[in-house]
Amino acid sequence: MSHIHRIQWFDQQVRQLNYPNSSKLAEQFEISRRQAQRDIEYMAESLRAPLRYVAKQRGYIYEDNSFVLPHLYITDEEQRVLKYLAYRYSHYDYENAQTIRKVGGLLERFTAQPLADREIKLPVFEVNPHRLQVMEMLEQAIQTRRVVHVLYRNGQEPPQELYLCPLQLSRRIDDDYLVAAVEGDGRSEYYNLSGIRELTLTSRVFIAGENGPAAPAGQARPLKPFTARIRLPGIPREPSWGGYQLRAADKDIYEVDFYDTSAFIAHLLHSEWSALLAPKWLKEKLRSICETVVSRLDEQENEH
């Protein structure tokens, strides 16, 4: 639930003289009292809501009932773009950096406050849809301490299949980076977001300790990979098939090792191949997924 819905609820409660406070807001939306208090401060400071705390009622009222919330509705796509721009502006290190970073903070709170100095021109950044999606998924992984499966290409090197414990997003020089450690290795490194070809959130979690990320007790990582046998339409130019290493088996048949089934199926769905020969369970799983998708599309067509 976005903070817009929380603000609208809080505004309604004030108008109904229910004297809402941070505790009631936190309970209603299952958030922390600290987050709830930030929402109230946002209303007072950024939206200029004339809130006054009534100690006797332990809640807020409006000192001026003519106050109306500004238009707060924005689409999900607009939210993603604003969030991305907020991140870029907040990490701006060049001319007028201090003012532009403030703009980043305002965008992050989804406001439309004008700049104090109208002569300052904002830098323009390219909004890349793939980058937006990757950043959104990484933010979710960072918040929930989820291990991510990525196909990563560093410069001209062949893509690698990695399991990473994402710690934070970072801005260095002129590009975005992920600070992460390979699962099972406590050393943190920088990974260029431009090098992430595919990304999947796994069900595994990690603990961020002083000595680096570690798996919780009882959580085991697969020790042996699965192996698929596929037929390709031609001889591959590289030993890496979109990040998965190929081993020649017989003529145009190759073996491919993989750990994450969901990520490998996603790779099969958008990659070129002639036949999936083994294992049988993978063929059945892929067939089931495709049949389910087709069935849903047919049902949708029938409804119309």
Protein backbone atom coordinates (compact mmCIF):
# COMPACT_ATOMS: atom_id res chain seq x y z
CA MET A 1 0.00 0.00 0.00
CA SER A 2 1.54 3.35 -1.05
CA HIS A 3 1.83 6.34 1.24
CA ILE A 4 -0.76 8.14 -0.94
CA HIS A 5 -3.48 5.77 0.28
CA ARG A 6 -2.30 6.22 3.87
CA ILE A 7 -2.44 10.01 3.56
CA GLN A 8 -5.91 9.90 2.07
CA TRP A 9 -7.11 7.66 4.90
CA PHE A 10 -5.53 9.93 7.51
CA ASP A 11 -7.13 13.01 5.90
CA GLN A 12 -10.54 11.33 5.99
CA GLN A 13 -10.12 10.40 9.64
CA VAL A 14 -9.23 14.00 10.54
CA ARG A 15 -12.29 15.34 8.72
CA GLN A 16 -14.52 12.86 10.55
CA LEU A 17 -13.08 14.11 13.88
CA ASN A 18 -11.72 10.66 14.75
CA TYR A 19 -8.49 12.26 16.00
CA PRO A 20 -6.07 9.91 14.17
CA ASN A 21 -2.46 9.60 15.31
CA SER A 22 0.67 7.65 14.33
CA SER A 23 -0.40 4.59 16.33
CA LYS A 24 -3.77 4.34 14.57
CA LEU A 25 -2.17 4.91 11.17
CA ALA A 26 0.47 2.24 11.84
CA GLU A 27 -2.18 -0.24 13.00
CA GLN A 28 -4.46 0.43 10.03
CA PHE A 29 -1.78 -0.20 7.40
CA GLU A 30 0.53 -2.57 9.35
CA ILE A 31 3.55 -0.30 9.20
CA SER A 32 5.92 0.95 11.90
CA ARG A 33 5.03 3.96 14.05
CA ARG A 34 8.17 5.63 12.75
CA GLN A 35 6.94 5.30 9.16
CA ALA A 36 3.49 6.50 10.21
CA GLN A 37 4.99 9.57 11.88
CA ARG A 38 6.96 10.32 8.70
CA ASP A 39 3.69 10.28 6.75
CA ILE A 40 2.18 12.79 9.18
CA GLU A 41 5.28 15.01 8.97
CA TYR A 42 5.07 14.77 5.18
CA MET A 43 1.49 16.03 5.29
CA ALA A 44 2.43 18.95 7.53
CA GLU A 45 5.71 19.97 5.90
CA SER A 46 5.34 19.11 2.20
CA LEU A 47 1.56 19.25 1.70
CA ARG A 48 1.16 22.18 4.10
CA ALA A 49 -1.69 20.46 5.95
CA PRO A 50 -2.74 22.64 8.97
CA LEU A 51 -2.46 19.75 11.41
CA ARG A 52 -2.59 20.38 15.17
CA TYR A 53 -2.14 17.73 17.82
CA VAL A 54 -4.80 17.74 20.53
CA ALA A 55 -3.26 16.23 23.64
CA LYS A 56 -6.59 15.61 25.36
CA GLN A 57 -7.84 13.53 22.39
CA ARG A 58 -4.40 12.10 21.61
CA GLY A 59 -4.86 12.83 17.93
CA TYR A 60 -4.84 15.44 15.16
CA ILE A 61 -7.34 17.96 13.82
CA TYR A 62 -7.21 20.59 11.07
CA GLU A 63 -6.93 24.18 12.26
CA ASP A 64 -8.33 25.25 8.90
CA ASN A 65 -11.13 23.03 7.56
CA SER A 66 -10.88 24.62 4.12
CA PHE A 67 -7.64 22.70 3.50
CA VAL A 68 -7.85 20.25 0.59
CA LEU A 69 -5.29 17.61 -0.28
CA PRO A 70 -3.52 18.31 -3.59
CA HIS A 71 -4.00 15.89 -6.46
CA LEU A 72 -1.95 12.85 -5.47
CA TYR A 73 -2.88 10.25 -8.07
CA ILE A 74 -0.07 9.02 -10.31
CA THR A 75 0.15 5.80 -12.29
CA ASP A 76 2.41 2.88 -11.35
CA GLU A 77 4.61 3.65 -14.35
CA GLU A 78 4.94 7.29 -13.25
CA GLN A 79 5.86 6.13 -9.74
CA ARG A 80 8.64 3.93 -11.11
CA VAL A 81 10.00 6.75 -13.27
CA LEU A 82 9.90 9.24 -10.37
CA LYS A 83 11.59 6.74 -8.09
CA TYR A 84 14.35 6.20 -10.64
CA LEU A 85 14.85 9.93 -11.20
CA ALA A 86 14.86 10.50 -7.44
CA TYR A 87 17.68 8.00 -7.12
CA ARG A 88 19.68 9.62 -9.92
CA TYR A 89 19.19 13.18 -8.63
CA SER A 90 20.00 12.14 -5.05
CA HIS A 91 23.40 10.83 -6.22
CA TYR A 92 24.24 13.83 -8.43
CA ASP A 93 27.80 15.07 -7.75
CA TYR A 94 28.34 17.87 -10.24
CA GLU A 95 27.24 21.51 -10.65
CA ASN A 96 24.53 22.66 -8.20
CA ALA A 97 24.76 19.23 -6.56
CA GLN A 98 23.32 20.33 -3.21
CA THR A 99 20.16 21.82 -4.73
CA ILE A 100 19.67 18.97 -7.16
CA ARG A 101 20.02 16.41 -4.39
CA LYS A 102 17.23 18.20 -2.57
CA VAL A 103 15.10 17.80 -5.68
CA GLY A 104 15.89 14.09 -5.54
CA GLY A 105 14.55 14.01 -2.00
CA LEU A 106 11.36 15.77 -3.07
CA LEU A 107 10.83 13.40 -5.99
CA GLU A 108 11.31 10.45 -3.68
CA ARG A 109 8.36 11.71 -1.64
CA PHE A 110 6.33 12.17 -4.84
CA THR A 111 5.77 15.90 -4.49
CA ALA A 112 5.48 18.60 -7.12
CA GLN A 113 7.13 21.42 -5.21
CA PRO A 114 8.90 23.96 -7.50
CA LEU A 115 12.60 24.74 -7.24
CA ALA A 116 13.54 27.74 -5.12
CA ASP A 117 15.95 28.93 -7.81
CA ARG A 118 14.24 28.78 -11.21
CA GLU A 119 17.51 29.54 -13.00
CA ILE A 120 18.93 26.12 -12.13
CA LYS A 121 18.46 23.65 -14.95
CA LEU A 122 17.98 20.03 -14.00
CA PRO A 123 20.20 17.46 -15.70
CA VAL A 124 18.33 15.01 -17.91
CA PHE A 125 18.88 11.26 -17.54
CA GLU A 126 17.83 8.50 -19.89
CA VAL A 127 15.02 6.41 -18.43
CA ASN A 128 15.70 2.84 -19.47
CA PRO A 129 12.76 0.41 -18.95
CA HIS A 130 15.04 -2.57 -18.30
CA ARG A 131 17.08 -0.54 -15.79
CA LEU A 132 13.90 0.56 -14.00
CA GLN A 133 12.72 -3.03 -13.68
CA VAL A 134 16.10 -4.27 -12.45
CA MET A 135 16.35 -1.50 -9.85
CA GLU A 136 12.83 -2.14 -8.61
CA MET A 137 13.50 -5.87 -8.17
CA LEU A 138 16.85 -5.22 -6.49
CA GLU A 139 15.27 -2.79 -4.03
CA GLN A 140 12.77 -5.48 -3.11
CA ALA A 141 15.59 -8.03 -2.70
CA ILE A 142 17.59 -5.62 -0.51
CA GLN A 143 14.61 -4.93 1.75
CA THR A 144 13.69 -8.61 2.15
CA ARG A 145 17.29 -9.94 2.18
CA ARG A 146 16.56 -12.24 -0.76
CA VAL A 147 19.27 -13.93 -2.80
CA VAL A 148 19.00 -13.06 -6.49
CA HIS A 149 19.96 -15.14 -9.51
CA VAL A 150 21.54 -13.07 -12.29
CA LEU A 151 23.10 -13.52 -15.67
CA TYR A 152 25.89 -10.96 -15.52
CA ARG A 153 28.26 -9.77 -18.21
CA ASN A 154 31.29 -7.73 -17.21
CA GLY A 155 32.54 -5.78 -20.21
CA GLN A 156 33.49 -8.08 -23.07
CA GLU A 157 33.66 -11.21 -20.91
CA PRO A 158 31.12 -14.03 -21.47
CA PRO A 159 28.01 -13.80 -19.25
CA GLN A 160 28.16 -15.54 -15.87
CA GLU A 161 25.43 -17.23 -13.85
CA LEU A 162 25.68 -15.81 -10.31
CA TYR A 163 23.79 -15.98 -7.02
CA LEU A 164 24.18 -12.62 -5.29
CA CYS A 165 23.27 -11.24 -1.87
CA PRO A 166 22.32 -7.62 -2.72
CA LEU A 167 23.26 -5.08 -0.04
CA GLN A 168 22.67 -1.65 -1.58
CA LEU A 169 22.45 0.35 -4.79
CA SER A 170 25.21 2.83 -5.48
CA ARG A 171 26.06 5.59 -7.93
CA ARG A 172 29.68 5.81 -9.14
CA ILE A 173 30.90 8.33 -11.71
CA ASP A 174 28.37 7.95 -14.53
CA ASP A 175 26.60 4.65 -13.96
CA ASP A 176 24.56 2.68 -11.41
CA TYR A 177 25.98 -0.22 -9.45
CA LEU A 178 24.85 -2.94 -7.10
CA VAL A 179 26.92 -3.64 -4.00
CA ALA A 180 26.58 -7.38 -3.43
CA ALA A 181 28.40 -10.51 -2.38
CA VAL A 182 28.34 -13.87 -4.12
CA GLU A 183 26.27 -16.28 -2.02
CA GLY A 184 28.63 -18.15 0.28
CA ASP A 185 31.37 -15.50 -0.07
CA GLY A 186 31.40 -12.58 2.38
CA ARG A 187 33.35 -10.20 0.14
CA SER A 188 31.27 -7.35 -1.28
CA GLU A 189 31.88 -6.15 -4.83
CA TYR A 190 30.39 -3.62 -7.25
CA TYR A 191 28.30 -4.95 -10.14
CA ASN A 192 27.38 -2.60 -12.99
CA LEU A 193 23.61 -2.65 -13.52
CA SER A 194 24.23 -2.39 -17.26
CA GLY A 195 25.81 -5.84 -17.07
CA ILE A 196 22.75 -7.56 -15.57
CA ARG A 197 21.08 -9.35 -18.49
CA GLU A 198 18.51 -11.31 -16.47
CA LEU A 199 17.48 -11.19 -12.82
CA THR A 200 15.30 -13.46 -10.70
CA LEU A 201 14.48 -13.34 -6.99
CA THR A 202 14.99 -16.73 -5.32
CA SER A 203 13.23 -18.04 -2.22
CA ARG A 204 16.50 -18.09 -0.26
CA VAL A 205 17.32 -15.36 2.25
CA PHE A 206 20.58 -14.19 3.81
CA ILE A 207 21.72 -12.43 6.96
CA ALA A 208 23.83 -9.27 6.57
CA GLY A 209 26.47 -9.60 9.30
CA GLU A 210 29.73 -7.83 10.08
CA ASN A 211 31.69 -10.49 8.18
CA GLY A 212 29.45 -10.27 5.15
CA PRO A 213 26.21 -11.98 4.10
CA ALA A 214 25.58 -15.47 5.46
CA ALA A 215 22.80 -18.02 5.06
CA PRO A 216 20.49 -18.59 8.04
CA ALA A 217 20.88 -21.85 9.95
CA GLY A 218 19.17 -24.72 8.19
CA GLN A 219 19.14 -23.08 4.76
CA ALA A 220 21.21 -25.03 2.30
CA ARG A 221 22.22 -23.98 -1.18
CA PRO A 222 22.01 -26.64 -3.91
CA LEU A 223 25.42 -28.30 -4.15
CA LYS A 224 24.96 -30.04 -7.51
CA PRO A 225 23.46 -28.36 -10.56
CA PHE A 226 20.76 -29.82 -12.77
CA THR A 227 21.82 -30.70 -16.32
CA ALA A 228 19.70 -30.11 -19.43
CA ARG A 229 20.31 -31.56 -22.89
CA ILE A 230 19.28 -29.29 -25.76
CA ARG A 231 19.58 -29.15 -29.53
CA LEU A 232 20.56 -25.77 -30.95
CA PRO A 233 19.75 -24.54 -34.48
CA GLY A 234 23.40 -23.87 -35.22
CA ILE A 235 26.91 -23.85 -33.81
CA PRO A 236 27.11 -21.19 -31.06
CA ARG A 237 29.72 -18.49 -31.48
CA GLU A 238 30.59 -18.56 -27.77
CA PRO A 239 30.75 -21.32 -25.15
CA SER A 240 28.26 -19.29 -23.12
CA TRP A 241 24.57 -19.56 -24.07
CA GLY A 242 23.27 -16.30 -22.66
CA GLY A 243 25.21 -16.90 -19.44
CA TYR A 244 24.86 -20.69 -19.28
CA GLN A 245 27.97 -22.66 -20.17
CA LEU A 246 27.59 -25.16 -23.03
CA ARG A 247 29.26 -28.56 -23.32
CA ALA A 248 29.18 -30.31 -26.68
CA ALA A 249 27.57 -33.75 -26.38
CA ASP A 250 26.82 -34.97 -29.91
CA LYS A 251 26.73 -32.96 -33.16
CA ASP A 252 24.22 -30.17 -32.48
CA ILE A 253 23.33 -31.42 -28.99
CA TYR A 254 24.71 -29.66 -25.92
CA GLU A 255 24.58 -30.07 -22.15
CA VAL A 256 23.82 -27.09 -19.91
CA ASP A 257 24.14 -26.93 -16.12
CA PHE A 258 21.74 -24.77 -14.12
CA TYR A 259 20.79 -24.28 -10.47
CA ASP A 260 17.63 -22.17 -10.53
CA THR A 261 14.79 -23.88 -12.40
CA SER A 262 12.58 -20.78 -12.70
CA ALA A 263 15.42 -18.68 -14.10
CA PHE A 264 16.41 -21.38 -16.60
CA ILE A 265 12.82 -21.80 -17.80
CA ALA A 266 12.61 -18.03 -18.28
CA HIS A 267 15.80 -18.30 -20.36
CA LEU A 268 14.29 -21.09 -22.47
CA LEU A 269 11.21 -18.99 -23.17
CA HIS A 270 13.14 -16.22 -24.90
CA SER A 271 16.17 -18.06 -26.30
CA GLU A 272 16.61 -19.92 -29.58
CA TRP A 273 16.75 -23.74 -29.42
CA SER A 274 15.45 -26.60 -31.55
CA ALA A 275 14.67 -29.27 -28.96
CA LEU A 276 14.72 -29.83 -25.22
CA LEU A 277 15.77 -33.48 -24.86
CA ALA A 278 16.25 -33.88 -21.11
CA PRO A 279 15.49 -33.99 -18.26
CA LYS A 280 11.93 -35.21 -18.61
CA TRP A 281 10.68 -33.31 -15.54
CA LEU A 282 11.94 -30.02 -17.00
CA LYS A 283 10.15 -30.70 -20.31
CA GLU A 284 6.91 -31.42 -18.43
CA LYS A 285 7.28 -28.29 -16.29
CA LEU A 286 7.90 -26.10 -19.34
CA ARG A 287 4.97 -27.70 -21.20
CA SER A 288 2.69 -27.15 -18.18
CA ILE A 289 3.65 -23.48 -17.94
CA CYS A 290 3.05 -22.90 -21.65
CA GLU A 291 -0.28 -24.73 -21.60
CA THR A 292 -1.41 -22.70 -18.58
CA VAL A 293 -0.53 -19.43 -20.31
CA VAL A 294 -2.29 -20.45 -23.52
CA SER A 295 -5.34 -21.58 -21.54
CA ARG A 296 -5.55 -18.23 -19.76
CA LEU A 297 -5.27 -16.35 -23.04
CA ASP A 298 -8.02 -18.52 -24.56
CA GLU A 299 -10.27 -17.87 -21.56
CA GLN A 300 -9.64 -14.16 -21.93
CA GLU A 301 -10.56 -14.28 -25.62
CA ASN A 302 -13.75 -16.20 -24.85
CA GLU A 303 -14.79 -13.63 -22.25
CA HIS A 304 -14.69 -10.93 -24.91
